[in-house]
């Protein structure tokens, strides 16, 4: 039963974010913000697919223990694409709120992203091992969490300052994604049920994408009318 439910959930999730992303790229009508948002959505979906597709195959065939290498490699790829996701989201923020000069801030975002990627490449992560070290899971997620906090603060401050109704919950979607993700990093291997938190974490990312998608559709309808 778990295999069927989880597989269906993953299919719906991946299809939803990738389709929304493609539609945003196609229908952005020259609006760089929404085209970038679409690229971000596709990056999210394709990146997560590297982990979720092998997991679905494992659950529906011979079991997770026989897909250790594929699952570990998928997690590694996802760690990179999620880093790229937040870099793109940072530029969405810059475009939406017309931020031109933020040199130190941009340097900080890239520095955290590079640290995260370098740490992810370190062999000590033992991505394809049955028992990857918890310590390295924490190390590589420290700069990732710092990126998330930075993006949360930027969107929170900007939406409040500009009274941006459409994006007013963007910061909250990121807060929720990390709130559900961090317990999985810390205790997921010890208490497998904690892994279920990845479902609401995933839904938080869908909410992130839907915010941009729905706002683009609203603006496009206004142009037509």
C-alpha atoms as a PDB file:
ATOM      1  CA  UNK A   1       0.000   0.000   0.000  1.00  0.00           C
ATOM      2  CA  UNK A   2       2.837   2.406   0.863  1.00  0.00           C
ATOM      3  CA  UNK A   3       4.422   1.780  -2.521  1.00  0.00           C
ATOM      4  CA  UNK A   4       1.229   2.596  -4.413  1.00  0.00           C
ATOM      5  CA  UNK A   5       0.334   5.714  -2.417  1.00  0.00           C
ATOM      6  CA  UNK A   6       3.866   7.116  -2.402  1.00  0.00           C
ATOM      7  CA  UNK A   7       4.359   6.426  -6.107  1.00  0.00           C
ATOM      8  CA  UNK A   8       1.078   8.116  -7.042  1.00  0.00           C
ATOM      9  CA  UNK A   9       1.945  11.097  -4.840  1.00  0.00           C
ATOM     10  CA  UNK A  10       5.362  11.445  -6.493  1.00  0.00           C
ATOM     11  CA  UNK A  11       3.900  11.201  -9.997  1.00  0.00           C
ATOM     12  CA  UNK A  12       1.347  13.905  -9.232  1.00  0.00           C
ATOM     13  CA  UNK A  13       3.985  16.105  -7.577  1.00  0.00           C
ATOM     14  CA  UNK A  14       6.597  15.837 -10.333  1.00  0.00           C
ATOM     15  CA  UNK A  15       4.025  16.259 -13.091  1.00  0.00           C
ATOM     16  CA  UNK A  16       2.465  19.268 -11.383  1.00  0.00           C
ATOM     17  CA  UNK A  17       5.621  21.293 -10.793  1.00  0.00           C
ATOM     18  CA  UNK A  18       7.167  20.457 -14.177  1.00  0.00           C
ATOM     19  CA  UNK A  19       3.960  21.256 -16.090  1.00  0.00           C
ATOM     20  CA  UNK A  20       3.499  24.522 -14.190  1.00  0.00           C
ATOM     21  CA  UNK A  21       7.120  25.370 -14.884  1.00  0.00           C
ATOM     22  CA  UNK A  22       6.831  24.690 -18.614  1.00  0.00           C
ATOM     23  CA  UNK A  23       3.626  26.710 -18.795  1.00  0.00           C
ATOM     24  CA  UNK A  24       5.286  29.629 -17.039  1.00  0.00           C
ATOM     25  CA  UNK A  25       8.246  29.559 -19.421  1.00  0.00           C
ATOM     26  CA  UNK A  26       5.920  29.331 -22.419  1.00  0.00           C
ATOM     27  CA  UNK A  27       3.412  31.957 -21.272  1.00  0.00           C
ATOM     28  CA  UNK A  28       5.728  34.437 -19.560  1.00  0.00           C
ATOM     29  CA  UNK A  29       5.307  36.785 -22.552  1.00  0.00           C
ATOM     30  CA  UNK A  30       8.724  38.336 -22.135  1.00  0.00           C
ATOM     31  CA  UNK A  31       8.380  38.784 -18.377  1.00  0.00           C
ATOM     32  CA  UNK A  32      11.782  37.706 -17.057  1.00  0.00           C
ATOM     33  CA  UNK A  33      10.503  37.193 -13.533  1.00  0.00           C
ATOM     34  CA  UNK A  34       7.951  34.557 -14.513  1.00  0.00           C
ATOM     35  CA  UNK A  35      10.200  32.902 -17.063  1.00  0.00           C
ATOM     36  CA  UNK A  36      12.818  32.541 -14.350  1.00  0.00           C
ATOM     37  CA  UNK A  37      10.150  31.230 -11.995  1.00  0.00           C
ATOM     38  CA  UNK A  38       9.259  28.620 -14.602  1.00  0.00           C
ATOM     39  CA  UNK A  39      12.890  27.565 -14.970  1.00  0.00           C
ATOM     40  CA  UNK A  40      13.043  27.286 -11.184  1.00  0.00           C
ATOM     41  CA  UNK A  41       9.970  25.007 -11.154  1.00  0.00           C
ATOM     42  CA  UNK A  42      11.391  22.728 -13.857  1.00  0.00           C
ATOM     43  CA  UNK A  43      14.704  22.597 -12.002  1.00  0.00           C
ATOM     44  CA  UNK A  44      12.851  21.545  -8.853  1.00  0.00           C
ATOM     45  CA  UNK A  45      10.878  18.828 -10.604  1.00  0.00           C
ATOM     46  CA  UNK A  46      13.702  17.360 -12.671  1.00  0.00           C
ATOM     47  CA  UNK A  47      16.106  17.489  -9.748  1.00  0.00           C
ATOM     48  CA  UNK A  48      13.729  15.678  -7.412  1.00  0.00           C
ATOM     49  CA  UNK A  49      13.016  13.104 -10.105  1.00  0.00           C
ATOM     50  CA  UNK A  50      16.589  11.787  -9.814  1.00  0.00           C
ATOM     51  CA  UNK A  51      15.736  10.645  -6.293  1.00  0.00           C
ATOM     52  CA  UNK A  52      12.007   9.974  -6.455  1.00  0.00           C
ATOM     53  CA  UNK A  53      12.009   7.830  -9.613  1.00  0.00           C
ATOM     54  CA  UNK A  54      14.566   5.308  -8.255  1.00  0.00           C
ATOM     55  CA  UNK A  55      12.671   5.302  -4.945  1.00  0.00           C
ATOM     56  CA  UNK A  56       9.404   4.492  -6.709  1.00  0.00           C
ATOM     57  CA  UNK A  57      11.109   1.706  -8.664  1.00  0.00           C
ATOM     58  CA  UNK A  58      12.604   0.324  -5.467  1.00  0.00           C
ATOM     59  CA  UNK A  59       9.312   0.368  -3.576  1.00  0.00           C
ATOM     60  CA  UNK A  60       7.506  -1.388  -6.406  1.00  0.00           C
ATOM     61  CA  UNK A  61      10.160  -4.010  -7.150  1.00  0.00           C
ATOM     62  CA  UNK A  62      12.897  -5.487  -4.946  1.00  0.00           C
ATOM     63  CA  UNK A  63      13.019  -2.943  -2.126  1.00  0.00           C
ATOM     64  CA  UNK A  64      15.018   0.120  -1.103  1.00  0.00           C
ATOM     65  CA  UNK A  65      18.000  -1.933   0.070  1.00  0.00           C
ATOM     66  CA  UNK A  66      18.673  -3.022  -3.523  1.00  0.00           C
ATOM     67  CA  UNK A  67      18.678   0.540  -4.863  1.00  0.00           C
ATOM     68  CA  UNK A  68      21.146   2.089  -2.420  1.00  0.00           C
ATOM     69  CA  UNK A  69      23.534   3.419  -5.070  1.00  0.00           C
ATOM     70  CA  UNK A  70      20.776   4.850  -7.264  1.00  0.00           C
ATOM     71  CA  UNK A  71      19.009   6.452  -4.307  1.00  0.00           C
ATOM     72  CA  UNK A  72      22.242   7.929  -2.963  1.00  0.00           C
ATOM     73  CA  UNK A  73      23.198   9.321  -6.352  1.00  0.00           C
ATOM     74  CA  UNK A  74      19.713  10.775  -6.687  1.00  0.00           C
ATOM     75  CA  UNK A  75      19.999  12.471  -3.296  1.00  0.00           C
ATOM     76  CA  UNK A  76      23.345  13.935  -4.339  1.00  0.00           C
ATOM     77  CA  UNK A  77      21.910  15.365  -7.574  1.00  0.00           C
ATOM     78  CA  UNK A  78      18.886  16.711  -5.708  1.00  0.00           C
ATOM     79  CA  UNK A  79      21.155  18.474  -3.201  1.00  0.00           C
ATOM     80  CA  UNK A  80      22.782  20.322  -6.098  1.00  0.00           C
ATOM     81  CA  UNK A  81      19.560  21.190  -7.930  1.00  0.00           C
ATOM     82  CA  UNK A  82      17.923  22.442  -4.722  1.00  0.00           C
ATOM     83  CA  UNK A  83      20.879  24.781  -4.243  1.00  0.00           C
ATOM     84  CA  UNK A  84      20.345  26.075  -7.775  1.00  0.00           C
ATOM     85  CA  UNK A  85      16.623  26.408  -6.960  1.00  0.00           C
ATOM     86  CA  UNK A  86      17.379  28.932  -4.211  1.00  0.00           C
ATOM     87  CA  UNK A  87      19.828  30.869  -6.350  1.00  0.00           C
ATOM     88  CA  UNK A  88      17.089  31.265  -8.958  1.00  0.00           C
ATOM     89  CA  UNK A  89      14.566  32.219  -6.271  1.00  0.00           C
ATOM     90  CA  UNK A  90      16.961  34.931  -5.129  1.00  0.00           C
ATOM     91  CA  UNK A  91      16.932  36.402  -8.649  1.00  0.00           C
ATOM     92  CA  UNK A  92      13.142  36.163  -8.746  1.00  0.00           C
ATOM     93  CA  UNK A  93      13.174  38.333  -5.622  1.00  0.00           C
ATOM     94  CA  UNK A  94      15.541  40.823  -7.293  1.00  0.00           C
ATOM     95  CA  UNK A  95      13.366  41.075 -10.392  1.00  0.00           C
ATOM     96  CA  UNK A  96      10.066  41.309  -8.545  1.00  0.00           C
ATOM     97  CA  UNK A  97      11.180  44.067  -6.206  1.00  0.00           C
ATOM     98  CA  UNK A  98      13.467  45.785  -8.739  1.00  0.00           C
ATOM     99  CA  UNK A  99      16.633  45.363  -6.710  1.00  0.00           C
ATOM    100  CA  UNK A 100      19.647  46.506  -8.731  1.00  0.00           C
ATOM    101  CA  UNK A 101      22.525  47.009  -6.323  1.00  0.00           C
ATOM    102  CA  UNK A 102      22.976  44.280  -3.749  1.00  0.00           C
ATOM    103  CA  UNK A 103      26.576  43.233  -4.309  1.00  0.00           C
ATOM    104  CA  UNK A 104      27.318  41.943  -0.810  1.00  0.00           C
ATOM    105  CA  UNK A 105      24.021  40.076  -0.696  1.00  0.00           C
ATOM    106  CA  UNK A 106      24.658  38.385  -4.040  1.00  0.00           C
ATOM    107  CA  UNK A 107      28.149  37.417  -2.926  1.00  0.00           C
ATOM    108  CA  UNK A 108      26.668  35.899   0.239  1.00  0.00           C
ATOM    109  CA  UNK A 109      24.143  33.843  -1.722  1.00  0.00           C
ATOM    110  CA  UNK A 110      26.788  32.487  -4.084  1.00  0.00           C
ATOM    111  CA  UNK A 111      29.266  31.869  -1.272  1.00  0.00           C
ATOM    112  CA  UNK A 112      26.718  29.794   0.645  1.00  0.00           C
ATOM    113  CA  UNK A 113      25.742  27.948  -2.533  1.00  0.00           C
ATOM    114  CA  UNK A 114      29.370  27.141  -3.381  1.00  0.00           C
ATOM    115  CA  UNK A 115      30.080  25.943   0.157  1.00  0.00           C
ATOM    116  CA  UNK A 116      26.982  23.743   0.024  1.00  0.00           C
ATOM    117  CA  UNK A 117      27.973  22.254  -3.356  1.00  0.00           C
ATOM    118  CA  UNK A 118      31.598  21.694  -2.340  1.00  0.00           C
ATOM    119  CA  UNK A 119      30.483  19.943   0.848  1.00  0.00           C
ATOM    120  CA  UNK A 120      28.063  17.812  -1.186  1.00  0.00           C
ATOM    121  CA  UNK A 121      30.925  16.651  -3.417  1.00  0.00           C
ATOM    122  CA  UNK A 122      33.085  15.538  -0.504  1.00  0.00           C
ATOM    123  CA  UNK A 123      33.549  11.738  -0.460  1.00  0.00           C
ATOM    124  CA  UNK A 124      32.892  11.697   3.301  1.00  0.00           C
ATOM    125  CA  UNK A 125      29.189  12.055   2.489  1.00  0.00           C
ATOM    126  CA  UNK A 126      29.217   8.419   1.386  1.00  0.00           C
ATOM    127  CA  UNK A 127      26.154   9.030  -0.731  1.00  0.00           C
ATOM    128  CA  UNK A 128      25.937   5.446  -1.997  1.00  0.00           C
ATOM    129  CA  UNK A 129      26.509   3.824   1.386  1.00  0.00           C
ATOM    130  CA  UNK A 130      23.851   1.979   3.356  1.00  0.00           C
ATOM    131  CA  UNK A 131      24.765   4.072   6.389  1.00  0.00           C
ATOM    132  CA  UNK A 132      25.859   7.587   5.302  1.00  0.00           C
ATOM    133  CA  UNK A 133      27.266   9.628   8.218  1.00  0.00           C
ATOM    134  CA  UNK A 134      24.787  11.925   9.929  1.00  0.00           C
ATOM    135  CA  UNK A 135      27.512  14.488  10.622  1.00  0.00           C
ATOM    136  CA  UNK A 136      28.055  15.187   6.923  1.00  0.00           C
ATOM    137  CA  UNK A 137      24.322  15.436   6.367  1.00  0.00           C
ATOM    138  CA  UNK A 138      24.370  18.223   8.934  1.00  0.00           C
ATOM    139  CA  UNK A 139      27.525  19.902   7.563  1.00  0.00           C
ATOM    140  CA  UNK A 140      26.216  20.252   4.005  1.00  0.00           C
ATOM    141  CA  UNK A 141      22.828  21.471   5.193  1.00  0.00           C
ATOM    142  CA  UNK A 142      24.187  24.310   7.345  1.00  0.00           C
ATOM    143  CA  UNK A 143      24.948  26.627   4.367  1.00  0.00           C
ATOM    144  CA  UNK A 144      21.747  25.408   2.699  1.00  0.00           C
ATOM    145  CA  UNK A 145      19.693  26.411   5.743  1.00  0.00           C
ATOM    146  CA  UNK A 146      21.523  29.748   5.825  1.00  0.00           C
ATOM    147  CA  UNK A 147      20.498  30.348   2.191  1.00  0.00           C
ATOM    148  CA  UNK A 148      16.932  29.507   3.097  1.00  0.00           C
ATOM    149  CA  UNK A 149      16.896  31.887   6.055  1.00  0.00           C
ATOM    150  CA  UNK A 150      18.312  34.647   3.878  1.00  0.00           C
ATOM    151  CA  UNK A 151      15.625  34.149   1.224  1.00  0.00           C
ATOM    152  CA  UNK A 152      12.928  33.986   3.908  1.00  0.00           C
ATOM    153  CA  UNK A 153      14.035  37.324   5.359  1.00  0.00           C
ATOM    154  CA  UNK A 154      14.253  38.980   1.938  1.00  0.00           C
ATOM    155  CA  UNK A 155      10.754  37.951   0.866  1.00  0.00           C
ATOM    156  CA  UNK A 156       9.255  38.713   4.270  1.00  0.00           C
ATOM    157  CA  UNK A 157      10.699  42.229   4.356  1.00  0.00           C
ATOM    158  CA  UNK A 158       9.889  42.996   0.720  1.00  0.00           C
ATOM    159  CA  UNK A 159       6.301  41.752   0.790  1.00  0.00           C
ATOM    160  CA  UNK A 160       5.629  43.759   3.944  1.00  0.00           C
ATOM    161  CA  UNK A 161       7.273  46.884   2.567  1.00  0.00           C
ATOM    162  CA  UNK A 162       5.478  46.790  -0.784  1.00  0.00           C
ATOM    163  CA  UNK A 163       2.222  45.241   0.479  1.00  0.00           C
ATOM    164  CA  UNK A 164       2.656  42.494  -2.113  1.00  0.00           C
ATOM    165  CA  UNK A 165      -0.532  40.496  -1.609  1.00  0.00           C
ATOM    166  CA  UNK A 166       0.250  37.887  -4.280  1.00  0.00           C
ATOM    167  CA  UNK A 167       3.601  36.903  -2.764  1.00  0.00           C
ATOM    168  CA  UNK A 168       2.799  37.603   0.898  1.00  0.00           C
ATOM    169  CA  UNK A 169       3.103  33.925   1.879  1.00  0.00           C
ATOM    170  CA  UNK A 170       6.226  33.158  -0.150  1.00  0.00           C
ATOM    171  CA  UNK A 171       8.407  33.427   2.960  1.00  0.00           C
ATOM    172  CA  UNK A 172       6.079  31.047   4.816  1.00  0.00           C
ATOM    173  CA  UNK A 173       6.333  28.347   2.149  1.00  0.00           C
ATOM    174  CA  UNK A 174      10.106  28.342   2.593  1.00  0.00           C
ATOM    175  CA  UNK A 175       9.823  28.314   6.394  1.00  0.00           C
ATOM    176  CA  UNK A 176       7.535  25.283   6.188  1.00  0.00           C
ATOM    177  CA  UNK A 177       9.771  23.446   3.731  1.00  0.00           C
ATOM    178  CA  UNK A 178      12.742  23.734   6.091  1.00  0.00           C
ATOM    179  CA  UNK A 179      10.648  23.032   9.195  1.00  0.00           C
ATOM    180  CA  UNK A 180       9.626  19.684   7.712  1.00  0.00           C
ATOM    181  CA  UNK A 181      13.008  18.931   6.125  1.00  0.00           C
ATOM    182  CA  UNK A 182      15.361  19.480   9.083  1.00  0.00           C
ATOM    183  CA  UNK A 183      13.842  16.733  11.315  1.00  0.00           C
ATOM    184  CA  UNK A 184      14.262  14.266   8.441  1.00  0.00           C
ATOM    185  CA  UNK A 185      17.953  15.156   8.137  1.00  0.00           C
ATOM    186  CA  UNK A 186      18.513  14.798  11.885  1.00  0.00           C
ATOM    187  CA  UNK A 187      16.371  11.803  12.784  1.00  0.00           C
ATOM    188  CA  UNK A 188      15.037  10.247   9.585  1.00  0.00           C
ATOM    189  CA  UNK A 189      17.480   7.319   9.597  1.00  0.00           C
ATOM    190  CA  UNK A 190      16.782   6.514  13.260  1.00  0.00           C
ATOM    191  CA  UNK A 191      13.005   6.912  13.135  1.00  0.00           C
ATOM    192  CA  UNK A 192      11.726   6.037   9.632  1.00  0.00           C
ATOM    193  CA  UNK A 193       8.270   7.497  10.306  1.00  0.00           C
ATOM    194  CA  UNK A 194       9.862  10.945  10.463  1.00  0.00           C
ATOM    195  CA  UNK A 195      10.526  10.497   6.761  1.00  0.00           C
ATOM    196  CA  UNK A 196       6.804  11.092   6.253  1.00  0.00           C
ATOM    197  CA  UNK A 197       7.538  14.775   6.844  1.00  0.00           C
ATOM    198  CA  UNK A 198       8.902  14.864   3.309  1.00  0.00           C
ATOM    199  CA  UNK A 199       5.281  14.869   2.109  1.00  0.00           C
ATOM    200  CA  UNK A 200       4.329  18.234   3.687  1.00  0.00           C
ATOM    201  CA  UNK A 201       7.797  19.527   2.747  1.00  0.00           C
ATOM    202  CA  UNK A 202       7.032  18.653  -0.864  1.00  0.00           C
ATOM    203  CA  UNK A 203       3.620  20.306  -0.650  1.00  0.00           C
ATOM    204  CA  UNK A 204       5.285  23.473   0.657  1.00  0.00           C
ATOM    205  CA  UNK A 205       7.403  23.595  -2.505  1.00  0.00           C
ATOM    206  CA  UNK A 206       4.311  23.048  -4.642  1.00  0.00           C
ATOM    207  CA  UNK A 207       2.789  26.040  -2.856  1.00  0.00           C
ATOM    208  CA  UNK A 208       5.918  28.067  -3.653  1.00  0.00           C
ATOM    209  CA  UNK A 209       5.573  27.311  -7.355  1.00  0.00           C
ATOM    210  CA  UNK A 210       1.821  27.828  -7.370  1.00  0.00           C
ATOM    211  CA  UNK A 211       2.202  31.339  -5.954  1.00  0.00           C
ATOM    212  CA  UNK A 212       4.197  32.420  -8.993  1.00  0.00           C
ATOM    213  CA  UNK A 213       2.078  30.404 -11.418  1.00  0.00           C
ATOM    214  CA  UNK A 214      -1.241  31.820 -10.216  1.00  0.00           C
ATOM    215  CA  UNK A 215       0.052  35.392 -10.231  1.00  0.00           C
ATOM    216  CA  UNK A 216       1.317  35.024 -13.799  1.00  0.00           C
ATOM    217  CA  UNK A 217      -2.061  33.655 -14.918  1.00  0.00           C
ATOM    218  CA  UNK A 218      -3.846  36.537 -13.212  1.00  0.00           C
ATOM    219  CA  UNK A 219      -1.682  39.115 -14.955  1.00  0.00           C
ATOM    220  CA  UNK A 220      -2.066  37.400 -18.330  1.00  0.00           C
ATOM    221  CA  UNK A 221      -5.863  37.409 -17.955  1.00  0.00           C
ATOM    222  CA  UNK A 222      -5.785  41.114 -17.157  1.00  0.00           C
ATOM    223  CA  UNK A 223      -3.850  41.772 -20.352  1.00  0.00           C
ATOM    224  CA  UNK A 224      -6.363  39.813 -22.431  1.00  0.00           C
ATOM    225  CA  UNK A 225      -9.356  41.596 -20.914  1.00  0.00           C
END
